[in-house]
């Protein structure tokens, strides 16, 4: 039977000012199934992490990771399954055959304060204005957001478009380009 690993996270979208909570991950070396080493570079990313044996669900993983990486607490029942994105891909890690990424979106009218990360791989967390998010090739800041996280953010904005309109916001103003702007 195939083994699955799960990463779950939360995309906190602030409407005022328009921004997304990001964390700076210092990166790591991951040993692959074939014994080779993959060097995961430093990156700005959505707060997320791998499910642990004690997590009851992907939602509980996402809530735990948000707290560990940002100090922000959200109740699991605040996560809306209608604002969830997931993707399954082949895994190269020795402990799984395929990997599932799951992200939930939570829309905030205003930013909330972040705390000190507990996770040693996370150097800092902050709300990043939409136009300042360091997409691949942009040259903004010390690291970029992985394309997989940009795709997740855009898919979640698609799902949240009616809610954004109900707040008087244009959903198109929240989309991130998938390549550097000219």
C-alpha atoms as a PDB file:
ATOM      1  CA  UNK A   1       0.000   0.000   0.000  1.00  0.00           C
ATOM      2  CA  UNK A   2       1.408   3.445  -0.943  1.00  0.00           C
ATOM      3  CA  UNK A   3       2.544   5.702   1.889  1.00  0.00           C
ATOM      4  CA  UNK A   4       1.406   9.319   1.967  1.00  0.00           C
ATOM      5  CA  UNK A   5       2.954  12.329   3.672  1.00  0.00           C
ATOM      6  CA  UNK A   6       1.060  15.564   4.244  1.00  0.00           C
ATOM      7  CA  UNK A   7       2.077  19.186   4.562  1.00  0.00           C
ATOM      8  CA  UNK A   8      -0.623  21.576   5.749  1.00  0.00           C
ATOM      9  CA  UNK A   9      -0.634  25.316   6.184  1.00  0.00           C
ATOM     10  CA  UNK A  10      -2.650  28.499   6.378  1.00  0.00           C
ATOM     11  CA  UNK A  11      -2.708  31.503   4.061  1.00  0.00           C
ATOM     12  CA  UNK A  12      -3.690  34.496   6.227  1.00  0.00           C
ATOM     13  CA  UNK A  13      -4.884  37.244   3.891  1.00  0.00           C
ATOM     14  CA  UNK A  14      -5.228  40.721   5.395  1.00  0.00           C
ATOM     15  CA  UNK A  15      -7.576  43.095   3.580  1.00  0.00           C
ATOM     16  CA  UNK A  16      -6.270  46.260   5.223  1.00  0.00           C
ATOM     17  CA  UNK A  17      -3.669  46.751   4.050  1.00  0.00           C
ATOM     18  CA  UNK A  18      -3.710  44.014   1.372  1.00  0.00           C
ATOM     19  CA  UNK A  19      -1.023  41.571   2.483  1.00  0.00           C
ATOM     20  CA  UNK A  20      -0.276  37.907   3.147  1.00  0.00           C
ATOM     21  CA  UNK A  21       1.395  36.437   6.220  1.00  0.00           C
ATOM     22  CA  UNK A  22       4.727  34.907   5.195  1.00  0.00           C
ATOM     23  CA  UNK A  23       7.524  33.217   7.136  1.00  0.00           C
ATOM     24  CA  UNK A  24      11.234  33.189   6.330  1.00  0.00           C
ATOM     25  CA  UNK A  25      12.422  29.565   6.296  1.00  0.00           C
ATOM     26  CA  UNK A  26      16.232  29.166   6.460  1.00  0.00           C
ATOM     27  CA  UNK A  27      16.095  25.956   4.396  1.00  0.00           C
ATOM     28  CA  UNK A  28      17.447  22.470   5.062  1.00  0.00           C
ATOM     29  CA  UNK A  29      19.115  19.443   3.508  1.00  0.00           C
ATOM     30  CA  UNK A  30      16.699  16.601   2.742  1.00  0.00           C
ATOM     31  CA  UNK A  31      17.882  13.044   2.041  1.00  0.00           C
ATOM     32  CA  UNK A  32      15.994  11.598  -0.951  1.00  0.00           C
ATOM     33  CA  UNK A  33      14.894   7.988  -1.588  1.00  0.00           C
ATOM     34  CA  UNK A  34      17.940   7.361  -3.770  1.00  0.00           C
ATOM     35  CA  UNK A  35      20.265   8.642  -1.013  1.00  0.00           C
ATOM     36  CA  UNK A  36      21.016  11.923  -2.784  1.00  0.00           C
ATOM     37  CA  UNK A  37      20.773  15.212  -0.927  1.00  0.00           C
ATOM     38  CA  UNK A  38      18.332  17.944  -1.891  1.00  0.00           C
ATOM     39  CA  UNK A  39      19.268  21.365  -0.572  1.00  0.00           C
ATOM     40  CA  UNK A  40      16.041  23.235   0.114  1.00  0.00           C
ATOM     41  CA  UNK A  41      17.026  26.909  -0.223  1.00  0.00           C
ATOM     42  CA  UNK A  42      15.966  29.699   2.124  1.00  0.00           C
ATOM     43  CA  UNK A  43      12.519  30.990   1.153  1.00  0.00           C
ATOM     44  CA  UNK A  44       9.642  33.203   2.132  1.00  0.00           C
ATOM     45  CA  UNK A  45       6.661  30.873   2.323  1.00  0.00           C
ATOM     46  CA  UNK A  46       3.225  30.350   3.764  1.00  0.00           C
ATOM     47  CA  UNK A  47       3.276  29.026   7.346  1.00  0.00           C
ATOM     48  CA  UNK A  48       3.120  25.254   6.868  1.00  0.00           C
ATOM     49  CA  UNK A  49       4.714  21.971   7.824  1.00  0.00           C
ATOM     50  CA  UNK A  50       4.525  18.211   7.804  1.00  0.00           C
ATOM     51  CA  UNK A  51       1.807  16.357   9.630  1.00  0.00           C
ATOM     52  CA  UNK A  52       2.905  14.601  12.818  1.00  0.00           C
ATOM     53  CA  UNK A  53       1.543  11.334  14.214  1.00  0.00           C
ATOM     54  CA  UNK A  54      -0.378  13.233  16.909  1.00  0.00           C
ATOM     55  CA  UNK A  55      -2.171  15.595  14.488  1.00  0.00           C
ATOM     56  CA  UNK A  56      -5.836  14.588  14.213  1.00  0.00           C
ATOM     57  CA  UNK A  57      -6.321  16.116  10.748  1.00  0.00           C
ATOM     58  CA  UNK A  58      -4.688  18.363   8.147  1.00  0.00           C
ATOM     59  CA  UNK A  59      -6.564  21.276   9.761  1.00  0.00           C
ATOM     60  CA  UNK A  60      -4.953  20.512  13.131  1.00  0.00           C
ATOM     61  CA  UNK A  61      -1.538  20.345  11.425  1.00  0.00           C
ATOM     62  CA  UNK A  62      -2.159  23.731   9.788  1.00  0.00           C
ATOM     63  CA  UNK A  63      -3.235  25.355  13.071  1.00  0.00           C
ATOM     64  CA  UNK A  64      -0.235  23.887  14.946  1.00  0.00           C
ATOM     65  CA  UNK A  65       2.234  24.991  12.259  1.00  0.00           C
ATOM     66  CA  UNK A  66       0.766  28.508  12.170  1.00  0.00           C
ATOM     67  CA  UNK A  67       1.347  28.830  15.915  1.00  0.00           C
ATOM     68  CA  UNK A  68       4.844  27.266  15.844  1.00  0.00           C
ATOM     69  CA  UNK A  69       6.008  29.502  12.978  1.00  0.00           C
ATOM     70  CA  UNK A  70       4.248  32.800  13.801  1.00  0.00           C
ATOM     71  CA  UNK A  71       2.876  32.708  17.361  1.00  0.00           C
ATOM     72  CA  UNK A  72      -0.636  33.299  15.968  1.00  0.00           C
ATOM     73  CA  UNK A  73      -3.396  31.112  17.372  1.00  0.00           C
ATOM     74  CA  UNK A  74      -6.477  30.252  15.326  1.00  0.00           C
ATOM     75  CA  UNK A  75      -9.160  27.780  16.350  1.00  0.00           C
ATOM     76  CA  UNK A  76      -9.444  24.813  14.029  1.00  0.00           C
ATOM     77  CA  UNK A  77     -13.166  25.509  13.548  1.00  0.00           C
ATOM     78  CA  UNK A  78     -12.234  28.864  11.918  1.00  0.00           C
ATOM     79  CA  UNK A  79     -10.811  26.958   8.914  1.00  0.00           C
ATOM     80  CA  UNK A  80     -13.369  26.749   6.118  1.00  0.00           C
ATOM     81  CA  UNK A  81     -13.195  23.641   3.926  1.00  0.00           C
ATOM     82  CA  UNK A  82     -14.547  25.778   1.039  1.00  0.00           C
ATOM     83  CA  UNK A  83     -11.339  27.835   1.235  1.00  0.00           C
ATOM     84  CA  UNK A  84      -8.980  24.866   0.983  1.00  0.00           C
ATOM     85  CA  UNK A  85      -6.489  24.017  -1.763  1.00  0.00           C
ATOM     86  CA  UNK A  86      -4.761  20.669  -2.140  1.00  0.00           C
ATOM     87  CA  UNK A  87      -2.317  19.140  -4.545  1.00  0.00           C
ATOM     88  CA  UNK A  88      -0.877  15.615  -4.686  1.00  0.00           C
ATOM     89  CA  UNK A  89       2.554  14.935  -6.100  1.00  0.00           C
ATOM     90  CA  UNK A  90       5.130  12.156  -6.195  1.00  0.00           C
ATOM     91  CA  UNK A  91       7.402  12.126  -3.171  1.00  0.00           C
ATOM     92  CA  UNK A  92      11.158  11.639  -3.273  1.00  0.00           C
ATOM     93  CA  UNK A  93      11.484  11.329   0.505  1.00  0.00           C
ATOM     94  CA  UNK A  94      12.237   7.852   1.891  1.00  0.00           C
ATOM     95  CA  UNK A  95       9.178   7.759   4.159  1.00  0.00           C
ATOM     96  CA  UNK A  96       6.452   8.305   1.525  1.00  0.00           C
ATOM     97  CA  UNK A  97       5.437   7.419  -2.015  1.00  0.00           C
ATOM     98  CA  UNK A  98       3.347  10.517  -2.617  1.00  0.00           C
ATOM     99  CA  UNK A  99       2.881  13.835  -0.887  1.00  0.00           C
ATOM    100  CA  UNK A 100      -0.226  15.972  -0.343  1.00  0.00           C
ATOM    101  CA  UNK A 101      -0.010  19.746   0.177  1.00  0.00           C
ATOM    102  CA  UNK A 102      -3.085  21.268   1.826  1.00  0.00           C
ATOM    103  CA  UNK A 103      -3.588  24.997   2.419  1.00  0.00           C
ATOM    104  CA  UNK A 104      -6.497  26.805   4.041  1.00  0.00           C
ATOM    105  CA  UNK A 105      -7.216  30.518   3.579  1.00  0.00           C
ATOM    106  CA  UNK A 106      -8.366  32.758   6.417  1.00  0.00           C
ATOM    107  CA  UNK A 107      -9.417  36.305   5.510  1.00  0.00           C
ATOM    108  CA  UNK A 108      -8.731  39.008   8.082  1.00  0.00           C
ATOM    109  CA  UNK A 109     -10.102  42.545   7.903  1.00  0.00           C
ATOM    110  CA  UNK A 110      -6.863  43.813   9.497  1.00  0.00           C
ATOM    111  CA  UNK A 111      -3.445  42.386  10.216  1.00  0.00           C
ATOM    112  CA  UNK A 112      -2.809  40.698  13.548  1.00  0.00           C
ATOM    113  CA  UNK A 113       0.426  40.829  15.517  1.00  0.00           C
ATOM    114  CA  UNK A 114       2.896  38.008  15.007  1.00  0.00           C
ATOM    115  CA  UNK A 115       4.956  36.454  17.784  1.00  0.00           C
ATOM    116  CA  UNK A 116       8.327  34.770  18.020  1.00  0.00           C
ATOM    117  CA  UNK A 117       8.675  31.565  15.971  1.00  0.00           C
ATOM    118  CA  UNK A 118       9.149  28.363  17.994  1.00  0.00           C
ATOM    119  CA  UNK A 119      10.321  26.399  14.933  1.00  0.00           C
ATOM    120  CA  UNK A 120      14.137  26.809  14.655  1.00  0.00           C
ATOM    121  CA  UNK A 121      13.982  26.767  10.824  1.00  0.00           C
ATOM    122  CA  UNK A 122      11.826  29.917  10.833  1.00  0.00           C
ATOM    123  CA  UNK A 123      13.788  33.117  11.285  1.00  0.00           C
ATOM    124  CA  UNK A 124      10.872  35.590  11.184  1.00  0.00           C
ATOM    125  CA  UNK A 125       7.259  36.108  10.171  1.00  0.00           C
ATOM    126  CA  UNK A 126       5.464  39.166   8.837  1.00  0.00           C
ATOM    127  CA  UNK A 127       2.599  40.346   6.685  1.00  0.00           C
ATOM    128  CA  UNK A 128       4.021  41.164   3.260  1.00  0.00           C
ATOM    129  CA  UNK A 129       2.158  43.651   1.018  1.00  0.00           C
ATOM    130  CA  UNK A 130       0.842  41.924  -2.108  1.00  0.00           C
ATOM    131  CA  UNK A 131       3.066  44.001  -4.437  1.00  0.00           C
ATOM    132  CA  UNK A 132       6.187  43.243  -2.351  1.00  0.00           C
ATOM    133  CA  UNK A 133       5.917  39.452  -2.282  1.00  0.00           C
ATOM    134  CA  UNK A 134       9.216  38.132  -3.692  1.00  0.00           C
ATOM    135  CA  UNK A 135       8.073  35.964  -6.594  1.00  0.00           C
ATOM    136  CA  UNK A 136      10.671  33.891  -8.485  1.00  0.00           C
ATOM    137  CA  UNK A 137      12.953  36.102 -10.556  1.00  0.00           C
ATOM    138  CA  UNK A 138      11.805  39.353  -8.942  1.00  0.00           C
ATOM    139  CA  UNK A 139      15.053  40.074  -7.098  1.00  0.00           C
ATOM    140  CA  UNK A 140      13.042  41.386  -4.134  1.00  0.00           C
ATOM    141  CA  UNK A 141      14.614  40.620  -0.766  1.00  0.00           C
ATOM    142  CA  UNK A 142      16.904  37.851   0.410  1.00  0.00           C
ATOM    143  CA  UNK A 143      14.764  34.906  -0.770  1.00  0.00           C
ATOM    144  CA  UNK A 144      11.809  34.117  -3.022  1.00  0.00           C
ATOM    145  CA  UNK A 145       8.436  32.445  -2.494  1.00  0.00           C
ATOM    146  CA  UNK A 146       8.313  28.933  -3.997  1.00  0.00           C
ATOM    147  CA  UNK A 147       6.183  28.780  -7.143  1.00  0.00           C
ATOM    148  CA  UNK A 148       4.084  26.029  -5.488  1.00  0.00           C
ATOM    149  CA  UNK A 149       3.047  28.499  -2.758  1.00  0.00           C
ATOM    150  CA  UNK A 150       2.204  31.203  -5.324  1.00  0.00           C
ATOM    151  CA  UNK A 151       0.007  28.696  -7.152  1.00  0.00           C
ATOM    152  CA  UNK A 152      -1.711  27.776  -3.867  1.00  0.00           C
ATOM    153  CA  UNK A 153      -2.304  31.454  -3.010  1.00  0.00           C
ATOM    154  CA  UNK A 154      -3.821  32.154  -6.434  1.00  0.00           C
ATOM    155  CA  UNK A 155      -6.053  29.054  -6.264  1.00  0.00           C
ATOM    156  CA  UNK A 156      -7.261  30.130  -2.801  1.00  0.00           C
ATOM    157  CA  UNK A 157      -7.992  33.652  -4.075  1.00  0.00           C
ATOM    158  CA  UNK A 158     -10.104  32.047  -6.829  1.00  0.00           C
ATOM    159  CA  UNK A 159     -12.084  30.180  -4.172  1.00  0.00           C
ATOM    160  CA  UNK A 160     -12.426  33.318  -2.022  1.00  0.00           C
ATOM    161  CA  UNK A 161     -13.428  35.721  -4.812  1.00  0.00           C
ATOM    162  CA  UNK A 162     -17.097  36.029  -3.741  1.00  0.00           C
ATOM    163  CA  UNK A 163     -16.046  36.755  -0.158  1.00  0.00           C
ATOM    164  CA  UNK A 164     -13.508  39.342  -1.283  1.00  0.00           C
ATOM    165  CA  UNK A 165     -16.210  41.044  -3.382  1.00  0.00           C
ATOM    166  CA  UNK A 166     -18.529  41.052  -0.339  1.00  0.00           C
ATOM    167  CA  UNK A 167     -15.798  43.031   1.490  1.00  0.00           C
ATOM    168  CA  UNK A 168     -15.751  45.508  -1.430  1.00  0.00           C
ATOM    169  CA  UNK A 169     -12.417  44.193  -2.723  1.00  0.00           C
ATOM    170  CA  UNK A 170     -11.448  43.335  -6.283  1.00  0.00           C
ATOM    171  CA  UNK A 171     -10.126  39.735  -6.241  1.00  0.00           C
ATOM    172  CA  UNK A 172      -7.836  40.482  -9.196  1.00  0.00           C
ATOM    173  CA  UNK A 173      -5.842  42.907  -7.042  1.00  0.00           C
ATOM    174  CA  UNK A 174      -4.752  39.971  -4.832  1.00  0.00           C
ATOM    175  CA  UNK A 175      -3.440  37.608  -7.532  1.00  0.00           C
ATOM    176  CA  UNK A 176       0.303  37.051  -7.667  1.00  0.00           C
ATOM    177  CA  UNK A 177       2.169  36.788 -10.963  1.00  0.00           C
ATOM    178  CA  UNK A 178       3.836  33.428 -11.529  1.00  0.00           C
ATOM    179  CA  UNK A 179       6.911  35.095 -13.005  1.00  0.00           C
ATOM    180  CA  UNK A 180       8.769  38.348 -12.452  1.00  0.00           C
ATOM    181  CA  UNK A 181       7.103  41.560 -13.543  1.00  0.00           C
ATOM    182  CA  UNK A 182       8.860  43.584 -16.257  1.00  0.00           C
END
